[in-house]
């Protein structure tokens, strides 16, 4: 995947997904995060990606 060819919205979706996953495990929120949360976040980002594709 060539990141320079993606439009602005897709770059924002990718950046938000990566930052969210890093913050989920790096910051102590007082809650135990696990891989299921990452999967749900990925599914949400993927659905948003498809919605952006339809615009």
N, C-alpha and C. Protein backbone atom coordinates (compact mmCIF):
# COMPACT_ATOMS: atom_id res chain seq x y z
N UNK A 1 0.85 -1.16 0.00
CA UNK A 1 0.00 0.00 0.00
C UNK A 1 0.90 1.23 0.00
N UNK A 2 0.67 2.10 -0.95
CA UNK A 2 1.45 3.32 -1.06
C UNK A 2 0.72 4.43 -0.31
N UNK A 3 1.25 4.85 0.82
CA UNK A 3 0.59 5.84 1.66
C UNK A 3 0.51 7.22 1.01
N UNK A 4 1.40 7.52 0.08
CA UNK A 4 1.36 8.83 -0.57
C UNK A 4 0.21 8.95 -1.55
N UNK A 5 -0.35 7.83 -1.99
CA UNK A 5 -1.44 7.86 -2.95
C UNK A 5 -2.82 7.83 -2.29
N UNK A 6 -2.89 7.64 -0.96
CA UNK A 6 -4.17 7.62 -0.27
C UNK A 6 -4.70 9.04 -0.09
N UNK A 7 -6.02 9.16 -0.10
CA UNK A 7 -6.59 10.49 0.11
C UNK A 7 -6.51 10.86 1.59
N UNK A 8 -6.87 12.09 1.89
CA UNK A 8 -6.72 12.62 3.25
C UNK A 8 -7.52 11.83 4.27
N UNK A 9 -8.77 11.46 3.95
CA UNK A 9 -9.61 10.75 4.91
C UNK A 9 -9.04 9.39 5.25
N UNK A 10 -8.49 8.70 4.28
CA UNK A 10 -7.91 7.38 4.56
C UNK A 10 -6.64 7.50 5.39
N UNK A 11 -5.86 8.54 5.18
CA UNK A 11 -4.69 8.77 6.01
C UNK A 11 -5.11 9.04 7.46
N UNK A 12 -6.20 9.80 7.63
CA UNK A 12 -6.70 10.10 8.97
C UNK A 12 -7.19 8.81 9.64
N UNK A 13 -7.90 7.95 8.90
CA UNK A 13 -8.40 6.69 9.45
C UNK A 13 -7.23 5.81 9.90
N UNK A 14 -6.21 5.67 9.06
CA UNK A 14 -5.05 4.85 9.42
C UNK A 14 -4.32 5.41 10.64
N UNK A 15 -4.11 6.72 10.65
CA UNK A 15 -3.40 7.35 11.77
C UNK A 15 -4.20 7.20 13.06
N UNK A 16 -5.50 7.41 13.00
CA UNK A 16 -6.33 7.29 14.19
C UNK A 16 -6.33 5.86 14.72
N UNK A 17 -6.36 4.88 13.82
CA UNK A 17 -6.34 3.48 14.24
C UNK A 17 -5.02 3.14 14.94
N UNK A 18 -3.92 3.53 14.35
CA UNK A 18 -2.61 3.23 14.94
C UNK A 18 -2.43 3.94 16.27
N UNK A 19 -2.80 5.22 16.32
CA UNK A 19 -2.66 5.97 17.57
C UNK A 19 -3.56 5.39 18.66
N UNK A 20 -4.78 4.99 18.29
CA UNK A 20 -5.70 4.40 19.26
C UNK A 20 -5.16 3.11 19.85
N UNK A 21 -4.60 2.26 19.01
CA UNK A 21 -4.06 0.99 19.50
C UNK A 21 -2.86 1.23 20.42
N UNK A 22 -1.99 2.14 20.03
CA UNK A 22 -0.83 2.44 20.86
C UNK A 22 -1.26 3.03 22.20
N UNK A 23 -2.19 3.98 22.18
CA UNK A 23 -2.64 4.59 23.43
C UNK A 23 -3.39 3.60 24.31
N UNK A 24 -4.11 2.66 23.68
CA UNK A 24 -4.86 1.67 24.46
C UNK A 24 -3.94 0.87 25.37
N UNK A 25 -2.78 0.51 24.85
CA UNK A 25 -1.87 -0.34 25.62
C UNK A 25 -0.78 0.44 26.34
N UNK A 26 -0.52 1.68 25.95
CA UNK A 26 0.56 2.45 26.57
C UNK A 26 0.10 3.24 27.79
N UNK A 27 -1.14 3.72 27.79
CA UNK A 27 -1.64 4.55 28.88
C UNK A 27 -2.44 3.67 29.83
N UNK A 28 -2.18 3.85 31.12
CA UNK A 28 -2.90 3.09 32.13
C UNK A 28 -4.25 3.74 32.41
N UNK A 29 -5.30 3.18 31.83
CA UNK A 29 -6.65 3.72 31.98
C UNK A 29 -7.37 3.09 33.18
N UNK A 30 -6.75 2.14 33.83
CA UNK A 30 -7.42 1.44 34.91
C UNK A 30 -8.33 0.34 34.40
N UNK A 31 -8.15 -0.05 33.15
CA UNK A 31 -8.97 -1.08 32.53
C UNK A 31 -8.04 -2.00 31.74
N UNK A 32 -8.35 -3.28 31.73
CA UNK A 32 -7.49 -4.25 31.05
C UNK A 32 -7.94 -4.41 29.60
N UNK A 33 -7.16 -3.90 28.68
CA UNK A 33 -7.46 -4.05 27.25
C UNK A 33 -6.86 -5.34 26.74
N UNK A 34 -7.50 -5.95 25.76
CA UNK A 34 -6.98 -7.17 25.18
C UNK A 34 -7.22 -7.15 23.67
N UNK A 35 -6.84 -8.22 23.01
CA UNK A 35 -6.85 -8.27 21.55
C UNK A 35 -8.27 -8.11 20.98
N UNK A 36 -9.29 -8.48 21.74
CA UNK A 36 -10.66 -8.30 21.27
C UNK A 36 -11.01 -6.84 21.04
N UNK A 37 -10.46 -5.97 21.87
CA UNK A 37 -10.69 -4.54 21.68
C UNK A 37 -10.03 -4.06 20.39
N UNK A 38 -8.85 -4.57 20.09
CA UNK A 38 -8.15 -4.19 18.86
C UNK A 38 -8.94 -4.69 17.65
N UNK A 39 -9.49 -5.89 17.74
CA UNK A 39 -10.27 -6.43 16.62
C UNK A 39 -11.50 -5.57 16.38
N UNK A 40 -12.22 -5.18 17.44
CA UNK A 40 -13.39 -4.33 17.27
C UNK A 40 -13.02 -2.96 16.72
N UNK A 41 -11.90 -2.42 17.17
CA UNK A 41 -11.42 -1.15 16.64
C UNK A 41 -11.07 -1.28 15.16
N UNK A 42 -10.45 -2.41 14.79
CA UNK A 42 -10.10 -2.66 13.40
C UNK A 42 -11.35 -2.76 12.53
N UNK A 43 -12.36 -3.47 13.02
CA UNK A 43 -13.61 -3.61 12.25
C UNK A 43 -14.26 -2.25 12.06
N UNK A 44 -14.28 -1.44 13.08
CA UNK A 44 -14.83 -0.09 12.96
C UNK A 44 -14.07 0.76 11.97
N UNK A 45 -12.74 0.68 12.01
CA UNK A 45 -11.92 1.44 11.05
C UNK A 45 -12.14 0.92 9.63
N UNK A 46 -12.30 -0.40 9.48
CA UNK A 46 -12.53 -0.98 8.16
C UNK A 46 -13.87 -0.54 7.59
N UNK A 47 -14.91 -0.52 8.43
CA UNK A 47 -16.23 -0.08 7.97
C UNK A 47 -16.17 1.40 7.58
N UNK A 48 -15.49 2.22 8.38
CA UNK A 48 -15.33 3.63 8.03
C UNK A 48 -14.57 3.78 6.72
N UNK A 49 -13.56 2.94 6.52
CA UNK A 49 -12.79 2.93 5.28
C UNK A 49 -13.72 2.66 4.09
N UNK A 50 -14.64 1.69 4.23
CA UNK A 50 -15.58 1.37 3.16
C UNK A 50 -16.58 2.51 2.93
N UNK A 51 -17.00 3.16 4.00
CA UNK A 51 -17.92 4.30 3.85
C UNK A 51 -17.23 5.43 3.10
N UNK A 52 -15.96 5.69 3.41
CA UNK A 52 -15.21 6.72 2.71
C UNK A 52 -15.07 6.33 1.24
N UNK A 53 -14.94 5.06 0.97
CA UNK A 53 -14.82 4.58 -0.41
C UNK A 53 -16.09 4.87 -1.20
N UNK A 54 -17.25 4.85 -0.52
CA UNK A 54 -18.52 5.10 -1.21
C UNK A 54 -18.77 6.58 -1.50
N UNK A 55 -18.06 7.46 -0.80
CA UNK A 55 -18.28 8.91 -1.00
C UNK A 55 -17.73 9.39 -2.31
